[in-house]
Amino acid sequence: MLNIEKKQDGKDLTVALTGRLDTVTAPELESELASSLDDVENLVIDMTDLEYISSAGLRVLLTAQKTMNQKGSMKLINVNETVMEIFDVTGFVDILTIE
């Protein structure tokens, strides 16, 4: 299960993820982002409560990063050890901005 909470402030959007971002839940996040990024210049994804991310979740983040590269910036915040390890192993630490 994945809970997605969005807060928009002008051209800044923060998306907080709680739960698991996997094959089952990735399409939900993909759909939420696709419908939310039109007027957004700065996307922040808060991963404080994200327990797990699969390759399907990584693909959604990569797609969002490509979109935001054309219109502004994207960063991930509050990434826990478990998720950071997945970013390390997959090389995503070199692709994504992680704070």
PDB file of N, CA and C in Angstrom:
ATOM      1  N   MET A   1       0.828  -1.184   0.000  1.00  0.00           N
ATOM      2  CA  MET A   1       0.000   0.000   0.000  1.00  0.00           C
ATOM      3  C   MET A   1       0.879   1.258   0.000  1.00  0.00           C
ATOM      4  N   LEU A   2       0.422   2.281  -0.708  1.00  0.00           N
ATOM      5  CA  LEU A   2       1.141   3.544  -0.791  1.00  0.00           C
ATOM      6  C   LEU A   2       0.160   4.679  -0.556  1.00  0.00           C
ATOM      7  N   ASN A   3       0.550   5.595   0.324  1.00  0.00           N
ATOM      8  CA  ASN A   3      -0.238   6.799   0.540  1.00  0.00           C
ATOM      9  C   ASN A   3       0.540   7.965  -0.064  1.00  0.00           C
ATOM     10  N   ILE A   4      -0.145   8.771  -0.868  1.00  0.00           N
ATOM     11  CA  ILE A   4       0.477   9.901  -1.544  1.00  0.00           C
ATOM     12  C   ILE A   4      -0.196  11.176  -1.063  1.00  0.00           C
ATOM     13  N   GLU A   5       0.596  12.058  -0.483  1.00  0.00           N
ATOM     14  CA  GLU A   5       0.058  13.330   0.006  1.00  0.00           C
ATOM     15  C   GLU A   5       0.751  14.462  -0.728  1.00  0.00           C
ATOM     16  N   LYS A   6      -0.055  15.313  -1.377  1.00  0.00           N
ATOM     17  CA  LYS A   6       0.514  16.397  -2.175  1.00  0.00           C
ATOM     18  C   LYS A   6       0.209  17.748  -1.539  1.00  0.00           C
ATOM     19  N   LYS A   7       1.227  18.631  -1.552  1.00  0.00           N
ATOM     20  CA  LYS A   7       1.038  20.007  -1.091  1.00  0.00           C
ATOM     21  C   LYS A   7       1.654  20.921  -2.130  1.00  0.00           C
ATOM     22  N   GLN A   8       0.823  21.783  -2.714  1.00  0.00           N
ATOM     23  CA  GLN A   8       1.336  22.698  -3.732  1.00  0.00           C
ATOM     24  C   GLN A   8       1.333  24.117  -3.196  1.00  0.00           C
ATOM     25  N   ASP A   9       2.422  24.817  -3.455  1.00  0.00           N
ATOM     26  CA  ASP A   9       2.574  26.212  -3.073  1.00  0.00           C
ATOM     27  C   ASP A   9       3.108  26.943  -4.292  1.00  0.00           C
ATOM     28  N   GLY A  10       2.221  27.542  -5.040  1.00  0.00           N
ATOM     29  CA  GLY A  10       2.624  28.205  -6.281  1.00  0.00           C
ATOM     30  C   GLY A  10       3.175  27.183  -7.264  1.00  0.00           C
ATOM     31  N   LYS A  11       4.436  27.375  -7.661  1.00  0.00           N
ATOM     32  CA  LYS A  11       5.055  26.469  -8.630  1.00  0.00           C
ATOM     33  C   LYS A  11       5.870  25.373  -7.954  1.00  0.00           C
ATOM     34  N   ASP A  12       5.748  25.268  -6.619  1.00  0.00           N
ATOM     35  CA  ASP A  12       6.442  24.231  -5.854  1.00  0.00           C
ATOM     36  C   ASP A  12       5.449  23.149  -5.430  1.00  0.00           C
ATOM     37  N   LEU A  13       5.825  21.902  -5.678  1.00  0.00           N
ATOM     38  CA  LEU A  13       4.983  20.777  -5.274  1.00  0.00           C
ATOM     39  C   LEU A  13       5.802  19.824  -4.419  1.00  0.00           C
ATOM     40  N   THR A  14       5.250  19.488  -3.246  1.00  0.00           N
ATOM     41  CA  THR A  14       5.873  18.484  -2.393  1.00  0.00           C
ATOM     42  C   THR A  14       4.959  17.274  -2.360  1.00  0.00           C
ATOM     43  N   VAL A  15       5.533  16.118  -2.629  1.00  0.00           N
ATOM     44  CA  VAL A  15       4.789  14.863  -2.611  1.00  0.00           C
ATOM     45  C   VAL A  15       5.396  13.981  -1.519  1.00  0.00           C
ATOM     46  N   ALA A  16       4.595  13.673  -0.506  1.00  0.00           N
ATOM     47  CA  ALA A  16       5.063  12.820   0.592  1.00  0.00           C
ATOM     48  C   ALA A  16       4.545  11.399   0.357  1.00  0.00           C
ATOM     49  N   LEU A  17       5.462  10.437   0.412  1.00  0.00           N
ATOM     50  CA  LEU A  17       5.110   9.041   0.168  1.00  0.00           C
ATOM     51  C   LEU A  17       5.188   8.253   1.471  1.00  0.00           C
ATOM     52  N   THR A  18       4.157   7.460   1.734  1.00  0.00           N
ATOM     53  CA  THR A  18       4.126   6.596   2.913  1.00  0.00           C
ATOM     54  C   THR A  18       3.802   5.179   2.466  1.00  0.00           C
ATOM     55  N   GLY A  19       4.631   4.218   2.880  1.00  0.00           N
ATOM     56  CA  GLY A  19       4.365   2.821   2.550  1.00  0.00           C
ATOM     57  C   GLY A  19       5.378   2.252   1.576  1.00  0.00           C
ATOM     58  N   ARG A  20       4.862   1.514   0.593  1.00  0.00           N
ATOM     59  CA  ARG A  20       5.718   0.809  -0.361  1.00  0.00           C
ATOM     60  C   ARG A  20       5.446   1.296  -1.780  1.00  0.00           C
ATOM     61  N   LEU A  21       6.531   1.623  -2.486  1.00  0.00           N
ATOM     62  CA  LEU A  21       6.430   2.018  -3.889  1.00  0.00           C
ATOM     63  C   LEU A  21       6.928   0.829  -4.710  1.00  0.00           C
ATOM     64  N   ASP A  22       5.970   0.033  -5.191  1.00  0.00           N
ATOM     65  CA  ASP A  22       6.318  -1.206  -5.878  1.00  0.00           C
ATOM     66  C   ASP A  22       5.484  -1.377  -7.142  1.00  0.00           C
ATOM     67  N   THR A  23       5.510  -2.561  -7.710  1.00  0.00           N
ATOM     68  CA  THR A  23       4.808  -2.838  -8.966  1.00  0.00           C
ATOM     69  C   THR A  23       3.321  -2.511  -8.879  1.00  0.00           C
ATOM     70  N   VAL A  24       2.730  -2.755  -7.726  1.00  0.00           N
ATOM     71  CA  VAL A  24       1.293  -2.521  -7.540  1.00  0.00           C
ATOM     72  C   VAL A  24       0.985  -1.030  -7.401  1.00  0.00           C
ATOM     73  N   THR A  25       1.835  -0.294  -6.671  1.00  0.00           N
ATOM     74  CA  THR A  25       1.528   1.104  -6.353  1.00  0.00           C
ATOM     75  C   THR A  25       2.184   2.124  -7.286  1.00  0.00           C
ATOM     76  N   ALA A  26       3.209   1.729  -8.026  1.00  0.00           N
ATOM     77  CA  ALA A  26       3.913   2.660  -8.917  1.00  0.00           C
ATOM     78  C   ALA A  26       2.984   3.341  -9.932  1.00  0.00           C
ATOM     79  N   PRO A  27       2.043   2.600 -10.555  1.00  0.00           N
ATOM     80  CA  PRO A  27       1.151   3.280 -11.515  1.00  0.00           C
ATOM     81  C   PRO A  27       0.326   4.397 -10.866  1.00  0.00           C
ATOM     82  N   GLU A  28      -0.013   4.230  -9.598  1.00  0.00           N
ATOM     83  CA  GLU A  28      -0.775   5.261  -8.883  1.00  0.00           C
ATOM     84  C   GLU A  28       0.054   6.544  -8.754  1.00  0.00           C
ATOM     85  N   LEU A  29       1.328   6.402  -8.365  1.00  0.00           N
ATOM     86  CA  LEU A  29       2.202   7.571  -8.247  1.00  0.00           C
ATOM     87  C   LEU A  29       2.439   8.190  -9.624  1.00  0.00           C
ATOM     88  N   GLU A  30       2.654   7.346 -10.611  1.00  0.00           N
ATOM     89  CA  GLU A  30       2.884   7.832 -11.976  1.00  0.00           C
ATOM     90  C   GLU A  30       1.705   8.678 -12.449  1.00  0.00           C
ATOM     91  N   SER A  31       0.503   8.201 -12.189  1.00  0.00           N
ATOM     92  CA  SER A  31      -0.712   8.908 -12.571  1.00  0.00           C
ATOM     93  C   SER A  31      -0.842  10.235 -11.813  1.00  0.00           C
ATOM     94  N   GLU A  32      -0.578  10.204 -10.509  1.00  0.00           N
ATOM     95  CA  GLU A  32      -0.641  11.428  -9.683  1.00  0.00           C
ATOM     96  C   GLU A  32       0.341  12.480 -10.199  1.00  0.00           C
ATOM     97  N   LEU A  33       1.564  12.058 -10.494  1.00  0.00           N
ATOM     98  CA  LEU A  33       2.573  13.003 -10.968  1.00  0.00           C
ATOM     99  C   LEU A  33       2.212  13.539 -12.353  1.00  0.00           C
ATOM    100  N   ALA A  34       1.766  12.657 -13.221  1.00  0.00           N
ATOM    101  CA  ALA A  34       1.421  13.072 -14.587  1.00  0.00           C
ATOM    102  C   ALA A  34       0.348  14.161 -14.583  1.00  0.00           C
ATOM    103  N   SER A  35      -0.597  14.061 -13.656  1.00  0.00           N
ATOM    104  CA  SER A  35      -1.689  15.030 -13.615  1.00  0.00           C
ATOM    105  C   SER A  35      -1.345  16.266 -12.782  1.00  0.00           C
ATOM    106  N   SER A  36      -0.187  16.263 -12.119  1.00  0.00           N
ATOM    107  CA  SER A  36       0.133  17.354 -11.190  1.00  0.00           C
ATOM    108  C   SER A  36       1.272  18.257 -11.620  1.00  0.00           C
ATOM    109  N   LEU A  37       2.044  17.867 -12.620  1.00  0.00           N
ATOM    110  CA  LEU A  37       3.294  18.579 -12.913  1.00  0.00           C
ATOM    111  C   LEU A  37       3.187  19.709 -13.938  1.00  0.00           C
ATOM    112  N   ASP A  38       1.995  19.940 -14.489  1.00  0.00           N
ATOM    113  CA  ASP A  38       1.856  20.951 -15.541  1.00  0.00           C
ATOM    114  C   ASP A  38       2.425  22.313 -15.160  1.00  0.00           C
ATOM    115  N   ASP A  39       2.063  22.836 -14.000  1.00  0.00           N
ATOM    116  CA  ASP A  39       2.492  24.179 -13.599  1.00  0.00           C
ATOM    117  C   ASP A  39       3.614  24.159 -12.567  1.00  0.00           C
ATOM    118  N   VAL A  40       4.252  23.018 -12.391  1.00  0.00           N
ATOM    119  CA  VAL A  40       5.253  22.867 -11.340  1.00  0.00           C
ATOM    120  C   VAL A  40       6.667  23.094 -11.880  1.00  0.00           C
ATOM    121  N   GLU A  41       7.448  23.888 -11.151  1.00  0.00           N
ATOM    122  CA  GLU A  41       8.856  24.104 -11.513  1.00  0.00           C
ATOM    123  C   GLU A  41       9.796  23.406 -10.542  1.00  0.00           C
ATOM    124  N   ASN A  42       9.355  23.209  -9.303  1.00  0.00           N
ATOM    125  CA  ASN A  42      10.177  22.555  -8.291  1.00  0.00           C
ATOM    126  C   ASN A  42       9.385  21.422  -7.644  1.00  0.00           C
ATOM    127  N   LEU A  43       9.866  20.212  -7.858  1.00  0.00           N
ATOM    128  CA  LEU A  43       9.213  19.034  -7.289  1.00  0.00           C
ATOM    129  C   LEU A  43      10.094  18.474  -6.177  1.00  0.00           C
ATOM    130  N   VAL A  44       9.486  18.286  -5.002  1.00  0.00           N
ATOM    131  CA  VAL A  44      10.179  17.679  -3.870  1.00  0.00           C
ATOM    132  C   VAL A  44       9.415  16.419  -3.505  1.00  0.00           C
ATOM    133  N   ILE A  45      10.132  15.303  -3.443  1.00  0.00           N
ATOM    134  CA  ILE A  45       9.503  14.053  -3.023  1.00  0.00           C
ATOM    135  C   ILE A  45      10.055  13.700  -1.654  1.00  0.00           C
ATOM    136  N   ASP A  46       9.154  13.724  -0.668  1.00  0.00           N
ATOM    137  CA  ASP A  46       9.522  13.454   0.721  1.00  0.00           C
ATOM    138  C   ASP A  46       9.343  11.959   0.988  1.00  0.00           C
ATOM    139  N   MET A  47      10.455  11.292   1.313  1.00  0.00           N
ATOM    140  CA  MET A  47      10.445   9.838   1.499  1.00  0.00           C
ATOM    141  C   MET A  47      10.599   9.428   2.966  1.00  0.00           C
ATOM    142  N   THR A  48      10.237  10.324   3.878  1.00  0.00           N
ATOM    143  CA  THR A  48      10.367  10.047   5.310  1.00  0.00           C
ATOM    144  C   THR A  48       9.748   8.702   5.682  1.00  0.00           C
ATOM    145  N   ASP A  49       8.547   8.440   5.178  1.00  0.00           N
ATOM    146  CA  ASP A  49       7.811   7.230   5.565  1.00  0.00           C
ATOM    147  C   ASP A  49       7.735   6.179   4.465  1.00  0.00           C
ATOM    148  N   LEU A  50       8.636   6.278   3.483  1.00  0.00           N
ATOM    149  CA  LEU A  50       8.672   5.266   2.422  1.00  0.00           C
ATOM    150  C   LEU A  50       9.502   4.082   2.910  1.00  0.00           C
ATOM    151  N   GLU A  51       8.885   2.914   2.951  1.00  0.00           N
ATOM    152  CA  GLU A  51       9.536   1.723   3.500  1.00  0.00           C
ATOM    153  C   GLU A  51      10.342   0.954   2.460  1.00  0.00           C
ATOM    154  N   TYR A  52       9.898   1.016   1.191  1.00  0.00           N
ATOM    155  CA  TYR A  52      10.490   0.152   0.168  1.00  0.00           C
ATOM    156  C   TYR A  52      10.242   0.763  -1.201  1.00  0.00           C
ATOM    157  N   ILE A  53      11.197   0.571  -2.108  1.00  0.00           N
ATOM    158  CA  ILE A  53      10.995   0.982  -3.502  1.00  0.00           C
ATOM    159  C   ILE A  53      11.511  -0.129  -4.411  1.00  0.00           C
ATOM    160  N   SER A  54      10.705  -0.483  -5.410  1.00  0.00           N
ATOM    161  CA  SER A  54      11.089  -1.540  -6.359  1.00  0.00           C
ATOM    162  C   SER A  54      11.544  -0.897  -7.668  1.00  0.00           C
ATOM    163  N   SER A  55      11.897  -1.724  -8.628  1.00  0.00           N
ATOM    164  CA  SER A  55      12.326  -1.212  -9.932  1.00  0.00           C
ATOM    165  C   SER A  55      11.205  -0.430 -10.610  1.00  0.00           C
ATOM    166  N   ALA A  56       9.965  -0.812 -10.363  1.00  0.00           N
ATOM    167  CA  ALA A  56       8.829  -0.072 -10.932  1.00  0.00           C
ATOM    168  C   ALA A  56       8.776   1.339 -10.338  1.00  0.00           C
ATOM    169  N   GLY A  57       9.058   1.439  -9.054  1.00  0.00           N
ATOM    170  CA  GLY A  57       9.101   2.749  -8.401  1.00  0.00           C
ATOM    171  C   GLY A  57      10.248   3.593  -8.917  1.00  0.00           C
ATOM    172  N   LEU A  58      11.395   2.958  -9.132  1.00  0.00           N
ATOM    173  CA  LEU A  58      12.554   3.664  -9.679  1.00  0.00           C
ATOM    174  C   LEU A  58      12.240   4.229 -11.061  1.00  0.00           C
ATOM    175  N   ARG A  59      11.519   3.462 -11.851  1.00  0.00           N
ATOM    176  CA  ARG A  59      11.155   3.908 -13.201  1.00  0.00           C
ATOM    177  C   ARG A  59      10.278   5.161 -13.133  1.00  0.00           C
ATOM    178  N   VAL A  60       9.346   5.191 -12.186  1.00  0.00           N
ATOM    179  CA  VAL A  60       8.476   6.368 -12.025  1.00  0.00           C
ATOM    180  C   VAL A  60       9.311   7.597 -11.642  1.00  0.00           C
ATOM    181  N   LEU A  61      10.273   7.395 -10.732  1.00  0.00           N
ATOM    182  CA  LEU A  61      11.134   8.514 -10.328  1.00  0.00           C
ATOM    183  C   LEU A  61      11.978   9.003 -11.501  1.00  0.00           C
ATOM    184  N   LEU A  62      12.472   8.075 -12.305  1.00  0.00           N
ATOM    185  CA  LEU A  62      13.282   8.438 -13.466  1.00  0.00           C
ATOM    186  C   LEU A  62      12.463   9.243 -14.477  1.00  0.00           C
ATOM    187  N   THR A  63      11.237   8.819 -14.710  1.00  0.00           N
ATOM    188  CA  THR A  63      10.336   9.533 -15.621  1.00  0.00           C
ATOM    189  C   THR A  63      10.064  10.941 -15.096  1.00  0.00           C
ATOM    190  N   ALA A  64       9.807  11.042 -13.790  1.00  0.00           N
ATOM    191  CA  ALA A  64       9.550  12.357 -13.186  1.00  0.00           C
ATOM    192  C   ALA A  64      10.783  13.241 -13.300  1.00  0.00           C
ATOM    193  N   GLN A  65      11.960  12.659 -13.097  1.00  0.00           N
ATOM    194  CA  GLN A  65      13.209  13.420 -13.194  1.00  0.00           C
ATOM    195  C   GLN A  65      13.391  13.966 -14.609  1.00  0.00           C
ATOM    196  N   LYS A  66      13.130  13.136 -15.613  1.00  0.00           N
ATOM    197  CA  LYS A  66      13.266  13.577 -17.011  1.00  0.00           C
ATOM    198  C   LYS A  66      12.305  14.727 -17.301  1.00  0.00           C
ATOM    199  N   THR A  67      11.082  14.618 -16.808  1.00  0.00           N
ATOM    200  CA  THR A  67      10.085  15.678 -17.004  1.00  0.00           C
ATOM    201  C   THR A  67      10.544  16.965 -16.340  1.00  0.00           C
ATOM    202  N   MET A  68      10.997  16.862 -15.095  1.00  0.00           N
ATOM    203  CA  MET A  68      11.395  18.050 -14.339  1.00  0.00           C
ATOM    204  C   MET A  68      12.693  18.666 -14.865  1.00  0.00           C
ATOM    205  N   ASN A  69      13.558  17.877 -15.483  1.00  0.00           N
ATOM    206  CA  ASN A  69      14.787  18.424 -16.077  1.00  0.00           C
ATOM    207  C   ASN A  69      14.461  19.470 -17.134  1.00  0.00           C
ATOM    208  N   GLN A  70      13.312  19.314 -17.795  1.00  0.00           N
ATOM    209  CA  GLN A  70      12.924  20.221 -18.865  1.00  0.00           C
ATOM    210  C   GLN A  70      12.253  21.488 -18.348  1.00  0.00           C
ATOM    211  N   LYS A  71      11.785  21.466 -17.090  1.00  0.00           N
ATOM    212  CA  LYS A  71      10.996  22.600 -16.618  1.00  0.00           C
ATOM    213  C   LYS A  71      11.425  23.162 -15.275  1.00  0.00           C
ATOM    214  N   GLY A  72      12.394  22.533 -14.629  1.00  0.00           N
ATOM    215  CA  GLY A  72      12.801  23.015 -13.313  1.00  0.00           C
ATOM    216  C   GLY A  72      13.675  22.002 -12.608  1.00  0.00           C
ATOM    217  N   SER A  73      13.303  21.674 -11.375  1.00  0.00           N
ATOM    218  CA  SER A  73      14.146  20.765 -10.599  1.00  0.00           C
ATOM    219  C   SER A  73      13.305  19.748  -9.820  1.00  0.00           C
ATOM    220  N   MET A  74      13.964  18.664  -9.453  1.00  0.00           N
ATOM    221  CA  MET A  74      13.346  17.642  -8.624  1.00  0.00           C
ATOM    222  C   MET A  74      14.377  17.186  -7.609  1.00  0.00           C
ATOM    223  N   LYS A  75      13.950  17.041  -6.362  1.00  0.00           N
ATOM    224  CA  LYS A  75      14.853  16.488  -5.362  1.00  0.00           C
ATOM    225  C   LYS A  75      14.089  15.554  -4.431  1.00  0.00           C
ATOM    226  N   LEU A  76      14.822  14.599  -3.891  1.00  0.00           N
ATOM    227  CA  LEU A  76      14.272  13.654  -2.929  1.00  0.00           C
ATOM    228  C   LEU A  76      14.817  14.038  -1.562  1.00  0.00           C
ATOM    229  N   ILE A  77      13.934  14.053  -0.563  1.00  0.00           N
ATOM    230  CA  ILE A  77      14.378  14.394   0.781  1.00  0.00           C
ATOM    231  C   ILE A  77      14.000  13.296   1.771  1.00  0.00           C
ATOM    232  N   ASN A  78      14.716  13.272   2.878  1.00  0.00           N
ATOM    233  CA  ASN A  78      14.432  12.330   3.972  1.00  0.00           C
ATOM    234  C   ASN A  78      14.428  10.871   3.531  1.00  0.00           C
ATOM    235  N   VAL A  79      15.424  10.508   2.721  1.00  0.00           N
ATOM    236  CA  VAL A  79      15.521   9.128   2.233  1.00  0.00           C
ATOM    237  C   VAL A  79      16.141   8.265   3.333  1.00  0.00           C
ATOM    238  N   ASN A  80      15.451   7.185   3.706  1.00  0.00           N
ATOM    239  CA  ASN A  80      15.971   6.322   4.771  1.00  0.00           C
ATOM    240  C   ASN A  80      17.060   5.388   4.244  1.00  0.00           C
ATOM    241  N   GLU A  81      17.711   4.681   5.162  1.00  0.00           N
ATOM    242  CA  GLU A  81      18.842   3.815   4.826  1.00  0.00           C
ATOM    243  C   GLU A  81      18.477   2.719   3.822  1.00  0.00           C
ATOM    244  N   THR A  82      17.334   2.095   4.041  1.00  0.00           N
ATOM    245  CA  THR A  82      16.905   0.990   3.176  1.00  0.00           C
ATOM    246  C   THR A  82      16.739   1.458   1.729  1.00  0.00           C
ATOM    247  N   VAL A  83      16.030   2.561   1.550  1.00  0.00           N
ATOM    248  CA  VAL A  83      15.792   3.096   0.205  1.00  0.00           C
ATOM    249  C   VAL A  83      17.090   3.631  -0.390  1.00  0.00           C
ATOM    250  N   MET A  84      17.917   4.278   0.440  1.00  0.00           N
ATOM    251  CA  MET A  84      19.193   4.813  -0.046  1.00  0.00           C
ATOM    252  C   MET A  84      20.099   3.697  -0.556  1.00  0.00           C
ATOM    253  N   GLU A  85      20.048   2.560   0.101  1.00  0.00           N
ATOM    254  CA  GLU A  85      20.845   1.411  -0.336  1.00  0.00           C
ATOM    255  C   GLU A  85      20.427   0.966  -1.732  1.00  0.00           C
ATOM    256  N   ILE A  86      19.130   0.991  -1.997  1.00  0.00           N
ATOM    257  CA  ILE A  86      18.614   0.623  -3.322  1.00  0.00           C
ATOM    258  C   ILE A  86      19.100   1.648  -4.354  1.00  0.00           C
ATOM    259  N   PHE A  87      19.073   2.944  -3.996  1.00  0.00           N
ATOM    260  CA  PHE A  87      19.580   3.984  -4.904  1.00  0.00           C
ATOM    261  C   PHE A  87      21.069   3.778  -5.180  1.00  0.00           C
ATOM    262  N   ASP A  88      21.832   3.404  -4.151  1.00  0.00           N
ATOM    263  CA  ASP A  88      23.268   3.154  -4.306  1.00  0.00           C
ATOM    264  C   ASP A  88      23.533   1.995  -5.258  1.00  0.00           C
ATOM    265  N   VAL A  89      22.882   0.879  -5.005  1.00  0.00           N
ATOM    266  CA  VAL A  89      23.100  -0.344  -5.784  1.00  0.00           C
ATOM    267  C   VAL A  89      22.725  -0.152  -7.253  1.00  0.00           C
ATOM    268  N   THR A  90      21.656   0.612  -7.504  1.00  0.00           N
ATOM    269  CA  THR A  90      21.175   0.795  -8.872  1.00  0.00           C
ATOM    270  C   THR A  90      21.865   1.948  -9.603  1.00  0.00           C
ATOM    271  N   GLY A  91      22.657   2.736  -8.874  1.00  0.00           N
ATOM    272  CA  GLY A  91      23.312   3.882  -9.502  1.00  0.00           C
ATOM    273  C   GLY A  91      22.438   5.121  -9.573  1.00  0.00           C
ATOM    274  N   PHE A  92      21.257   5.070  -8.962  1.00  0.00           N
ATOM    275  CA  PHE A  92      20.338   6.203  -9.002  1.00  0.00           C
ATOM    276  C   PHE A  92      20.860   7.393  -8.199  1.00  0.00           C
ATOM    277  N   VAL A  93      21.827   7.160  -7.294  1.00  0.00           N
ATOM    278  CA  VAL A  93      22.416   8.276  -6.550  1.00  0.00           C
ATOM    279  C   VAL A  93      23.098   9.253  -7.496  1.00  0.00           C
ATOM    280  N   ASP A  94      23.522   8.765  -8.665  1.00  0.00           N
ATOM    281  CA  ASP A  94      24.187   9.624  -9.647  1.00  0.00           C
ATOM    282  C   ASP A  94      23.189  10.330 -10.562  1.00  0.00           C
ATOM    283  N   ILE A  95      21.960   9.871 -10.577  1.00  0.00           N
ATOM    284  CA  ILE A  95      20.938  10.415 -11.486  1.00  0.00           C
ATOM    285  C   ILE A  95      20.026  11.392 -10.770  1.00  0.00           C
ATOM    286  N   LEU A  96      19.659  11.070  -9.528  1.00  0.00           N
ATOM    287  CA  LEU A  96      18.690  11.859  -8.773  1.00  0.00           C
ATOM    288  C   LEU A  96      19.383  12.811  -7.796  1.00  0.00           C
ATOM    289  N   THR A  97      18.720  13.910  -7.478  1.00  0.00           N
ATOM    290  CA  THR A  97      19.219  14.823  -6.457  1.00  0.00           C
ATOM    291  C   THR A  97      18.621  14.387  -5.134  1.00  0.00           C
ATOM    292  N   ILE A  98      19.482  13.949  -4.219  1.00  0.00           N
ATOM    293  CA  ILE A  98      19.023  13.412  -2.940  1.00  0.00           C
ATOM    294  C   ILE A  98      19.612  14.263  -1.817  1.00  0.00           C
ATOM    295  N   GLU A  99      18.749  14.769  -0.959  1.00  0.00           N
ATOM    296  CA  GLU A  99      19.209  15.599   0.167  1.00  0.00           C
ATOM    297  C   GLU A  99      18.862  14.938   1.477  1.00  0.00           C
TER     298      GLU A  99
END
